[in-house]
Amino acid sequence: MAQRMDKMMNELREAFLIQDKDDDHKISISELGSVMRSIGLCPTQAQLASIAQEYGASASGKGGKLFDMEECKRIVQKNAGLTETPESVRDCFRIFDKDGNGYNSASEIRHVLTTLGEPLKDEEVDELIREIELTVDGQFSYEDVVGLLMQ
């Protein structure tokens, strides 16, 4: 666990420097979200808004508080559990897999992706469905979807 956190902190430093485009050693809440995602965390917009509120920042990131490296470290350490695993995503699809065969319909995938967790927009779901190989009867392997979502 300690090695994992050390690795995460090293990745955090690198990601922070990439996002700190103006070299003022501070980043906005939206940049913090990008940093967190780049090191393997999956904060939702609601979670980022909560972090912003906790630190007195604007959730939009405009004209609000900026986060320095030390604050980012504390935030990442506190939120190190915000990861989506392939298994947790797979579990969402299993709920709708009535036959237990590993396949869902396009309407089921749309329902899962637009209502559970942090919902995707219809356009995002349409794009994802276009990338999935459907069977003759309009079904798809949710393993394919999990693979695409976890990229």
Protein backbone atom coordinates (compact mmCIF):
# COMPACT_ATOMS: atom_id res chain seq x y z
CA MET A 1 0.00 0.00 0.00
CA ALA A 2 2.82 2.41 0.89
CA GLN A 3 4.58 1.66 -2.41
CA ARG A 4 1.33 2.27 -4.30
CA MET A 5 0.91 5.65 -2.56
CA ASP A 6 4.57 6.58 -3.25
CA LYS A 7 4.08 5.75 -6.92
CA MET A 8 0.86 7.76 -6.98
CA MET A 9 2.60 10.78 -5.40
CA ASN A 10 5.39 10.63 -8.00
CA GLU A 11 2.80 10.47 -10.77
CA LEU A 12 0.94 13.33 -9.09
CA ARG A 13 4.04 15.55 -9.20
CA GLU A 14 4.52 14.84 -12.91
CA ALA A 15 0.85 15.40 -13.75
CA PHE A 16 0.76 18.58 -11.66
CA LEU A 17 3.74 20.03 -13.56
CA ILE A 18 2.07 19.23 -16.88
CA GLN A 19 -1.15 20.99 -15.84
CA ASP A 20 0.69 24.00 -14.36
CA LYS A 21 1.04 25.63 -17.77
CA ASP A 22 1.83 29.14 -16.48
CA ASP A 23 4.43 27.89 -13.94
CA ASP A 24 2.77 29.61 -10.98
CA HIS A 25 2.83 26.30 -9.03
CA LYS A 26 -0.98 26.24 -8.82
CA ILE A 27 -3.80 24.57 -10.74
CA SER A 28 -7.57 25.03 -10.97
CA ILE A 29 -10.21 22.53 -9.84
CA SER A 30 -10.77 21.36 -13.43
CA GLU A 31 -7.02 20.85 -13.85
CA LEU A 32 -7.02 18.98 -10.54
CA GLY A 33 -9.68 16.68 -11.99
CA SER A 34 -7.43 16.01 -15.00
CA VAL A 35 -4.48 15.36 -12.69
CA MET A 36 -6.51 12.93 -10.58
CA ARG A 37 -7.72 11.05 -13.67
CA SER A 38 -4.21 10.85 -15.10
CA ILE A 39 -2.97 9.05 -11.98
CA GLY A 40 -5.77 6.50 -12.04
CA LEU A 41 -8.43 8.10 -9.86
CA CYS A 42 -11.94 8.59 -11.20
CA PRO A 43 -13.51 11.59 -9.49
CA THR A 44 -16.99 12.47 -10.70
CA GLN A 45 -17.99 16.05 -11.39
CA ALA A 46 -20.02 15.94 -8.17
CA GLN A 47 -16.96 14.80 -6.20
CA LEU A 48 -14.85 17.57 -7.73
CA ALA A 49 -17.56 20.11 -6.85
CA SER A 50 -17.49 18.80 -3.28
CA ILE A 51 -13.69 19.14 -3.15
CA ALA A 52 -13.96 22.67 -4.55
CA GLN A 53 -16.54 23.59 -1.91
CA GLU A 54 -14.44 22.07 0.88
CA TYR A 55 -11.44 24.18 -0.17
CA GLY A 56 -13.39 27.35 -0.93
CA ALA A 57 -12.91 27.10 -4.67
CA SER A 58 -15.38 27.68 -7.47
CA ALA A 59 -16.59 24.40 -8.99
CA SER A 60 -16.32 26.03 -12.42
CA GLY A 61 -12.66 26.82 -11.77
CA LYS A 62 -13.15 30.38 -12.97
CA GLY A 63 -11.81 33.18 -10.81
CA GLY A 64 -11.62 30.92 -7.81
CA LYS A 65 -9.05 29.36 -5.58
CA LEU A 66 -6.09 27.60 -7.12
CA PHE A 67 -4.50 24.52 -5.60
CA ASP A 68 -0.80 24.20 -4.86
CA MET A 69 1.10 20.91 -4.82
CA GLU A 70 0.70 20.33 -1.08
CA GLU A 71 -3.08 20.79 -1.26
CA CYS A 72 -3.21 18.44 -4.23
CA LYS A 73 -1.25 15.82 -2.27
CA ARG A 74 -3.70 16.04 0.64
CA ILE A 75 -6.68 15.83 -1.70
CA VAL A 76 -5.26 12.82 -3.54
CA GLN A 77 -4.38 11.03 -0.29
CA LYS A 78 -7.87 11.65 1.05
CA ASN A 79 -9.52 10.51 -2.19
CA ALA A 80 -7.19 7.66 -3.14
CA GLY A 81 -10.16 5.27 -3.20
CA LEU A 82 -11.91 7.02 -6.10
CA THR A 83 -11.05 4.37 -8.64
CA GLU A 84 -13.32 2.52 -10.99
CA THR A 85 -12.22 -1.01 -11.60
CA PRO A 86 -13.21 -3.07 -14.61
CA GLU A 87 -15.03 -5.36 -12.18
CA SER A 88 -17.17 -2.56 -10.73
CA VAL A 89 -18.15 -1.42 -14.23
CA ARG A 90 -18.83 -5.03 -15.26
CA ASP A 91 -21.12 -5.45 -12.24
CA CYS A 92 -23.34 -2.62 -13.52
CA PHE A 93 -23.90 -4.49 -16.76
CA ARG A 94 -24.45 -7.85 -15.06
CA ILE A 95 -27.50 -6.41 -13.34
CA PHE A 96 -29.19 -6.10 -16.74
CA ASP A 97 -27.86 -9.40 -18.13
CA LYS A 98 -31.01 -11.41 -17.47
CA ASP A 99 -29.74 -14.47 -19.39
CA GLY A 100 -26.31 -14.43 -17.72
CA ASN A 101 -24.64 -14.78 -21.12
CA GLY A 102 -22.43 -11.66 -21.02
CA TYR A 103 -24.55 -9.73 -23.52
CA ASN A 104 -26.84 -6.69 -23.26
CA SER A 105 -28.99 -4.82 -25.74
CA ALA A 106 -28.19 -1.31 -26.94
CA SER A 107 -31.14 0.03 -24.93
CA GLU A 108 -29.80 -1.61 -21.76
CA ILE A 109 -26.34 -0.13 -22.28
CA ARG A 110 -27.89 3.28 -22.88
CA HIS A 111 -29.87 2.97 -19.63
CA VAL A 112 -26.80 1.95 -17.59
CA LEU A 113 -24.56 4.67 -19.02
CA THR A 114 -27.07 7.51 -18.77
CA THR A 115 -28.49 6.75 -15.31
CA LEU A 116 -25.91 5.00 -13.11
CA GLY A 117 -22.79 6.55 -11.59
CA GLU A 118 -21.74 9.70 -13.38
CA PRO A 119 -24.13 9.70 -16.34
CA LEU A 120 -22.82 10.06 -19.87
CA LYS A 121 -24.48 12.36 -22.37
CA ASP A 122 -26.59 10.79 -25.13
CA GLU A 123 -23.97 11.84 -27.71
CA GLU A 124 -21.24 10.04 -25.75
CA VAL A 125 -23.36 6.89 -25.54
CA ASP A 126 -24.13 7.08 -29.28
CA GLU A 127 -20.40 7.29 -30.02
CA LEU A 128 -19.64 4.34 -27.76
CA ILE A 129 -22.41 2.22 -29.30
CA ARG A 130 -21.00 2.95 -32.78
CA GLU A 131 -17.67 1.50 -31.64
CA ILE A 132 -19.18 -1.72 -30.27
CA GLU A 133 -19.58 -4.80 -32.42
CA LEU A 134 -23.22 -5.88 -32.26
CA THR A 135 -24.50 -9.40 -32.83
CA VAL A 136 -27.12 -10.13 -35.49
CA ASP A 137 -29.92 -9.64 -32.95
CA GLY A 138 -28.59 -6.26 -31.73
CA GLN A 139 -26.83 -7.55 -28.62
CA PHE A 140 -23.25 -6.78 -27.60
CA SER A 141 -20.72 -8.22 -25.22
CA TYR A 142 -20.47 -5.93 -22.23
CA GLU A 143 -16.82 -6.98 -21.94
CA ASP A 144 -16.27 -4.90 -25.10
CA VAL A 145 -17.93 -1.91 -23.44
CA VAL A 146 -15.90 -2.34 -20.24
CA GLY A 147 -12.74 -2.40 -22.35
CA LEU A 148 -13.69 0.81 -24.15
CA LEU A 149 -14.71 2.61 -20.95
CA MET A 150 -11.52 1.69 -19.11
CA GLN A 151 -9.18 2.93 -21.89
